[in-house]
Amino acid sequence: MAIEIGMQNAGLGVALALKHFSPETALPGALFAVWCVLTGAGASAWLRYKHSSKEIPKSVERT
């Protein structure tokens, strides 16, 4: 959830920077939004891999 909120704040920052300042001021917000997407996708893939690689005991396994 924190990643999604950060992306929304970065998008708002980019929009406000483009509207009220020069386009160069929008660059940090745009880079942060890209960073959030990349780290969020990477963390999700890593956690999915980590979770799926654990062996499930036979007593807990669903049929």
PDB file of N, CA and C in Angstrom:
ATOM      1  N   MET A   1       0.823  -1.180   0.000  1.00  0.00           N
ATOM      2  CA  MET A   1       0.000   0.000   0.000  1.00  0.00           C
ATOM      3  C   MET A   1       0.875   1.254   0.000  1.00  0.00           C
ATOM      4  N   ALA A   2       1.984   1.225   0.705  1.00  0.00           N
ATOM      5  CA  ALA A   2       2.859   2.395   0.768  1.00  0.00           C
ATOM      6  C   ALA A   2       3.422   2.733  -0.602  1.00  0.00           C
ATOM      7  N   ILE A   3       3.718   1.718  -1.406  1.00  0.00           N
ATOM      8  CA  ILE A   3       4.243   1.963  -2.752  1.00  0.00           C
ATOM      9  C   ILE A   3       3.188   2.662  -3.596  1.00  0.00           C
ATOM     10  N   GLU A   4       1.957   2.217  -3.515  1.00  0.00           N
ATOM     11  CA  GLU A   4       0.880   2.834  -4.290  1.00  0.00           C
ATOM     12  C   GLU A   4       0.666   4.284  -3.875  1.00  0.00           C
ATOM     13  N   ILE A   5       0.688   4.568  -2.605  1.00  0.00           N
ATOM     14  CA  ILE A   5       0.506   5.948  -2.139  1.00  0.00           C
ATOM     15  C   ILE A   5       1.667   6.812  -2.611  1.00  0.00           C
ATOM     16  N   GLY A   6       2.871   6.277  -2.561  1.00  0.00           N
ATOM     17  CA  GLY A   6       4.027   7.016  -3.059  1.00  0.00           C
ATOM     18  C   GLY A   6       3.906   7.332  -4.536  1.00  0.00           C
ATOM     19  N   MET A   7       3.385   6.388  -5.315  1.00  0.00           N
ATOM     20  CA  MET A   7       3.206   6.632  -6.745  1.00  0.00           C
ATOM     21  C   MET A   7       2.169   7.723  -6.980  1.00  0.00           C
ATOM     22  N   GLN A   8       1.110   7.733  -6.210  1.00  0.00           N
ATOM     23  CA  GLN A   8       0.091   8.764  -6.378  1.00  0.00           C
ATOM     24  C   GLN A   8       0.650  10.133  -6.021  1.00  0.00           C
ATOM     25  N   ASN A   9       1.447  10.217  -4.962  1.00  0.00           N
ATOM     26  CA  ASN A   9       2.049  11.481  -4.581  1.00  0.00           C
ATOM     27  C   ASN A   9       3.048  11.952  -5.634  1.00  0.00           C
ATOM     28  N   ALA A  10       3.791  11.035  -6.221  1.00  0.00           N
ATOM     29  CA  ALA A  10       4.746  11.394  -7.263  1.00  0.00           C
ATOM     30  C   ALA A  10       4.010  11.911  -8.498  1.00  0.00           C
ATOM     31  N   GLY A  11       2.912  11.276  -8.843  1.00  0.00           N
ATOM     32  CA  GLY A  11       2.120  11.735  -9.984  1.00  0.00           C
ATOM     33  C   GLY A  11       1.563  13.130  -9.769  1.00  0.00           C
ATOM     34  N   LEU A  12       1.083  13.383  -8.580  1.00  0.00           N
ATOM     35  CA  LEU A  12       0.574  14.715  -8.249  1.00  0.00           C
ATOM     36  C   LEU A  12       1.702  15.736  -8.283  1.00  0.00           C
ATOM     37  N   GLY A  13       2.860  15.361  -7.767  1.00  0.00           N
ATOM     38  CA  GLY A  13       4.005  16.265  -7.792  1.00  0.00           C
ATOM     39  C   GLY A  13       4.429  16.619  -9.208  1.00  0.00           C
ATOM     40  N   VAL A  14       4.430  15.626 -10.097  1.00  0.00           N
ATOM     41  CA  VAL A  14       4.776  15.870 -11.502  1.00  0.00           C
ATOM     42  C   VAL A  14       3.761  16.806 -12.141  1.00  0.00           C
ATOM     43  N   ALA A  15       2.477  16.535 -11.905  1.00  0.00           N
ATOM     44  CA  ALA A  15       1.438  17.386 -12.503  1.00  0.00           C
ATOM     45  C   ALA A  15       1.538  18.827 -12.009  1.00  0.00           C
ATOM     46  N   LEU A  16       1.762  19.006 -10.718  1.00  0.00           N
ATOM     47  CA  LEU A  16       1.883  20.357 -10.175  1.00  0.00           C
ATOM     48  C   LEU A  16       3.144  21.048 -10.677  1.00  0.00           C
ATOM     49  N   ALA A  17       4.244  20.313 -10.764  1.00  0.00           N
ATOM     50  CA  ALA A  17       5.492  20.900 -11.255  1.00  0.00           C
ATOM     51  C   ALA A  17       5.359  21.341 -12.706  1.00  0.00           C
ATOM     52  N   LEU A  18       4.693  20.520 -13.520  1.00  0.00           N
ATOM     53  CA  LEU A  18       4.505  20.892 -14.926  1.00  0.00           C
ATOM     54  C   LEU A  18       3.593  22.103 -15.072  1.00  0.00           C
ATOM     55  N   LYS A  19       2.605  22.214 -14.213  1.00  0.00           N
ATOM     56  CA  LYS A  19       1.647  23.316 -14.320  1.00  0.00           C
ATOM     57  C   LYS A  19       2.229  24.640 -13.813  1.00  0.00           C
ATOM     58  N   HIS A  20       2.999  24.594 -12.727  1.00  0.00           N
ATOM     59  CA  HIS A  20       3.406  25.837 -12.076  1.00  0.00           C
ATOM     60  C   HIS A  20       4.882  26.190 -12.240  1.00  0.00           C
ATOM     61  N   PHE A  21       5.705  25.253 -12.661  1.00  0.00           N
ATOM     62  CA  PHE A  21       7.142  25.501 -12.767  1.00  0.00           C
ATOM     63  C   PHE A  21       7.644  25.040 -14.125  1.00  0.00           C
ATOM     64  N   SER A  22       8.957  25.035 -14.295  1.00  0.00           N
ATOM     65  CA  SER A  22       9.541  24.573 -15.551  1.00  0.00           C
ATOM     66  C   SER A  22       9.483  23.047 -15.617  1.00  0.00           C
ATOM     67  N   PRO A  23       9.535  22.482 -16.811  1.00  0.00           N
ATOM     68  CA  PRO A  23       9.470  21.016 -16.948  1.00  0.00           C
ATOM     69  C   PRO A  23      10.588  20.277 -16.214  1.00  0.00           C
ATOM     70  N   GLU A  24      11.736  20.921 -16.024  1.00  0.00           N
ATOM     71  CA  GLU A  24      12.836  20.253 -15.322  1.00  0.00           C
ATOM     72  C   GLU A  24      12.485  19.933 -13.873  1.00  0.00           C
ATOM     73  N   THR A  25      11.596  20.692 -13.277  1.00  0.00           N
ATOM     74  CA  THR A  25      11.230  20.444 -11.882  1.00  0.00           C
ATOM     75  C   THR A  25      10.376  19.185 -11.729  1.00  0.00           C
ATOM     76  N   ALA A  26       9.799  18.713 -12.816  1.00  0.00           N
ATOM     77  CA  ALA A  26       8.986  17.497 -12.764  1.00  0.00           C
ATOM     78  C   ALA A  26       9.839  16.233 -12.818  1.00  0.00           C
ATOM     79  N   LEU A  27      11.104  16.364 -13.159  1.00  0.00           N
ATOM     80  CA  LEU A  27      11.970  15.202 -13.329  1.00  0.00           C
ATOM     81  C   LEU A  27      12.114  14.350 -12.056  1.00  0.00           C
ATOM     82  N   PRO A  28      12.368  14.932 -10.877  1.00  0.00           N
ATOM     83  CA  PRO A  28      12.481  14.075  -9.685  1.00  0.00           C
ATOM     84  C   PRO A  28      11.210  13.268  -9.399  1.00  0.00           C
ATOM     85  N   GLY A  29      10.058  13.874  -9.548  1.00  0.00           N
ATOM     86  CA  GLY A  29       8.809  13.145  -9.322  1.00  0.00           C
ATOM     87  C   GLY A  29       8.601  12.031 -10.330  1.00  0.00           C
ATOM     88  N   ALA A  30       8.945  12.294 -11.582  1.00  0.00           N
ATOM     89  CA  ALA A  30       8.797  11.274 -12.622  1.00  0.00           C
ATOM     90  C   ALA A  30       9.758  10.111 -12.378  1.00  0.00           C
ATOM     91  N   LEU A  31      10.986  10.423 -11.982  1.00  0.00           N
ATOM     92  CA  LEU A  31      11.954   9.357 -11.686  1.00  0.00           C
ATOM     93  C   LEU A  31      11.519   8.544 -10.472  1.00  0.00           C
ATOM     94  N   PHE A  32      10.949   9.207  -9.478  1.00  0.00           N
ATOM     95  CA  PHE A  32      10.471   8.493  -8.292  1.00  0.00           C
ATOM     96  C   PHE A  32       9.319   7.550  -8.661  1.00  0.00           C
ATOM     97  N   ALA A  33       8.433   7.983  -9.539  1.00  0.00           N
ATOM     98  CA  ALA A  33       7.321   7.123  -9.949  1.00  0.00           C
ATOM     99  C   ALA A  33       7.839   5.872 -10.653  1.00  0.00           C
ATOM    100  N   VAL A  34       8.828   6.040 -11.512  1.00  0.00           N
ATOM    101  CA  VAL A  34       9.422   4.891 -12.200  1.00  0.00           C
ATOM    102  C   VAL A  34      10.110   3.979 -11.182  1.00  0.00           C
ATOM    103  N   TRP A  35      10.838   4.570 -10.239  1.00  0.00           N
ATOM    104  CA  TRP A  35      11.515   3.797  -9.193  1.00  0.00           C
ATOM    105  C   TRP A  35      10.502   2.980  -8.385  1.00  0.00           C
ATOM    106  N   CYS A  36       9.361   3.585  -8.061  1.00  0.00           N
ATOM    107  CA  CYS A  36       8.332   2.871  -7.299  1.00  0.00           C
ATOM    108  C   CYS A  36       7.800   1.666  -8.069  1.00  0.00           C
ATOM    109  N   VAL A  37       7.587   1.839  -9.352  1.00  0.00           N
ATOM    110  CA  VAL A  37       7.082   0.730 -10.168  1.00  0.00           C
ATOM    111  C   VAL A  37       8.107  -0.400 -10.214  1.00  0.00           C
ATOM    112  N   LEU A  38       9.363  -0.051 -10.440  1.00  0.00           N
ATOM    113  CA  LEU A  38      10.398  -1.082 -10.546  1.00  0.00           C
ATOM    114  C   LEU A  38      10.628  -1.810  -9.220  1.00  0.00           C
ATOM    115  N   THR A  39      10.738  -1.067  -8.127  1.00  0.00           N
ATOM    116  CA  THR A  39      10.981  -1.723  -6.841  1.00  0.00           C
ATOM    117  C   THR A  39       9.757  -2.504  -6.370  1.00  0.00           C
ATOM    118  N   GLY A  40       8.567  -2.008  -6.663  1.00  0.00           N
ATOM    119  CA  GLY A  40       7.353  -2.733  -6.298  1.00  0.00           C
ATOM    120  C   GLY A  40       7.239  -4.052  -7.042  1.00  0.00           C
ATOM    121  N   ALA A  41       7.524  -4.022  -8.340  1.00  0.00           N
ATOM    122  CA  ALA A  41       7.479  -5.252  -9.130  1.00  0.00           C
ATOM    123  C   ALA A  41       8.558  -6.226  -8.688  1.00  0.00           C
ATOM    124  N   GLY A  42       9.740  -5.707  -8.415  1.00  0.00           N
ATOM    125  CA  GLY A  42      10.835  -6.569  -7.960  1.00  0.00           C
ATOM    126  C   GLY A  42      10.538  -7.196  -6.608  1.00  0.00           C
ATOM    127  N   ALA A  43      10.038  -6.406  -5.675  1.00  0.00           N
ATOM    128  CA  ALA A  43       9.710  -6.933  -4.350  1.00  0.00           C
ATOM    129  C   ALA A  43       8.596  -7.968  -4.434  1.00  0.00           C
ATOM    130  N   SER A  44       7.617  -7.722  -5.271  1.00  0.00           N
ATOM    131  CA  SER A  44       6.518  -8.668  -5.433  1.00  0.00           C
ATOM    132  C   SER A  44       7.016  -9.994  -6.003  1.00  0.00           C
ATOM    133  N   ALA A  45       7.860  -9.928  -7.019  1.00  0.00           N
ATOM    134  CA  ALA A  45       8.396 -11.153  -7.618  1.00  0.00           C
ATOM    135  C   ALA A  45       9.267 -11.906  -6.622  1.00  0.00           C
ATOM    136  N   TRP A  46      10.096 -11.183  -5.859  1.00  0.00           N
ATOM    137  CA  TRP A  46      10.967 -11.823  -4.882  1.00  0.00           C
ATOM    138  C   TRP A  46      10.158 -12.505  -3.780  1.00  0.00           C
ATOM    139  N   LEU A  47       9.140 -11.824  -3.278  1.00  0.00           N
ATOM    140  CA  LEU A  47       8.309 -12.415  -2.222  1.00  0.00           C
ATOM    141  C   LEU A  47       7.519 -13.612  -2.740  1.00  0.00           C
ATOM    142  N   ARG A  48       7.034 -13.535  -3.975  1.00  0.00           N
ATOM    143  CA  ARG A  48       6.310 -14.661  -4.560  1.00  0.00           C
ATOM    144  C   ARG A  48       7.247 -15.862  -4.703  1.00  0.00           C
ATOM    145  N   TYR A  49       8.465 -15.628  -5.167  1.00  0.00           N
ATOM    146  CA  TYR A  49       9.439 -16.710  -5.316  1.00  0.00           C
ATOM    147  C   TYR A  49       9.814 -17.293  -3.953  1.00  0.00           C
ATOM    148  N   LYS A  50      10.044 -16.419  -2.985  1.00  0.00           N
ATOM    149  CA  LYS A  50      10.426 -16.855  -1.654  1.00  0.00           C
ATOM    150  C   LYS A  50       9.312 -17.686  -1.016  1.00  0.00           C
ATOM    151  N   HIS A  51       8.075 -17.250  -1.198  1.00  0.00           N
ATOM    152  CA  HIS A  51       6.941 -17.961  -0.615  1.00  0.00           C
ATOM    153  C   HIS A  51       6.706 -19.295  -1.317  1.00  0.00           C
ATOM    154  N   SER A  52       6.843 -19.345  -2.630  1.00  0.00           N
ATOM    155  CA  SER A  52       6.554 -20.579  -3.361  1.00  0.00           C
ATOM    156  C   SER A  52       7.670 -21.605  -3.215  1.00  0.00           C
ATOM    157  N   SER A  53       8.867 -21.167  -2.840  1.00  0.00           N
ATOM    158  CA  SER A  53       9.969 -22.117  -2.726  1.00  0.00           C
ATOM    159  C   SER A  53       9.955 -22.872  -1.401  1.00  0.00           C
ATOM    160  N   LYS A  54       9.151 -22.419  -0.446  1.00  0.00           N
ATOM    161  CA  LYS A  54       9.050 -23.134   0.831  1.00  0.00           C
ATOM    162  C   LYS A  54       8.250 -24.412   0.627  1.00  0.00           C
ATOM    163  N   GLU A  55       8.704 -25.467   1.267  1.00  0.00           N
ATOM    164  CA  GLU A  55       7.995 -26.727   1.179  1.00  0.00           C
ATOM    165  C   GLU A  55       6.811 -26.717   2.129  1.00  0.00           C
ATOM    166  N   ILE A  56       5.659 -27.145   1.644  1.00  0.00           N
ATOM    167  CA  ILE A  56       4.457 -27.200   2.473  1.00  0.00           C
ATOM    168  C   ILE A  56       4.385 -28.580   3.124  1.00  0.00           C
ATOM    169  N   PRO A  57       4.288 -28.646   4.447  1.00  0.00           N
ATOM    170  CA  PRO A  57       4.167 -29.945   5.114  1.00  0.00           C
ATOM    171  C   PRO A  57       2.921 -30.696   4.642  1.00  0.00           C
ATOM    172  N   LYS A  58       2.997 -32.014   4.626  1.00  0.00           N
ATOM    173  CA  LYS A  58       1.876 -32.833   4.169  1.00  0.00           C
ATOM    174  C   LYS A  58       0.618 -32.610   4.983  1.00  0.00           C
ATOM    175  N   SER A  59       0.754 -32.298   6.279  1.00  0.00           N
ATOM    176  CA  SER A  59      -0.403 -32.109   7.135  1.00  0.00           C
ATOM    177  C   SER A  59      -1.154 -30.801   6.801  1.00  0.00           C
ATOM    178  N   VAL A  60      -0.489 -29.861   6.158  1.00  0.00           N
ATOM    179  CA  VAL A  60      -1.103 -28.576   5.835  1.00  0.00           C
ATOM    180  C   VAL A  60      -1.535 -28.527   4.368  1.00  0.00           C
ATOM    181  N   GLU A  61      -0.987 -29.393   3.551  1.00  0.00           N
ATOM    182  CA  GLU A  61      -1.226 -29.363   2.125  1.00  0.00           C
ATOM    183  C   GLU A  61      -2.699 -29.586   1.802  1.00  0.00           C
ATOM    184  N   ARG A  62      -3.208 -28.786   0.897  1.00  0.00           N
ATOM    185  CA  ARG A  62      -4.623 -28.938   0.465  1.00  0.00           C
ATOM    186  C   ARG A  62      -4.710 -29.887  -0.695  1.00  0.00           C
ATOM    187  N   THR A  63      -5.839 -30.562  -0.795  1.00  0.00           N
ATOM    188  CA  THR A  63      -6.029 -31.504  -1.908  1.00  0.00           C
ATOM    189  C   THR A  63      -6.906 -30.907  -2.969  1.00  0.00           C
TER     190      THR A  63
END
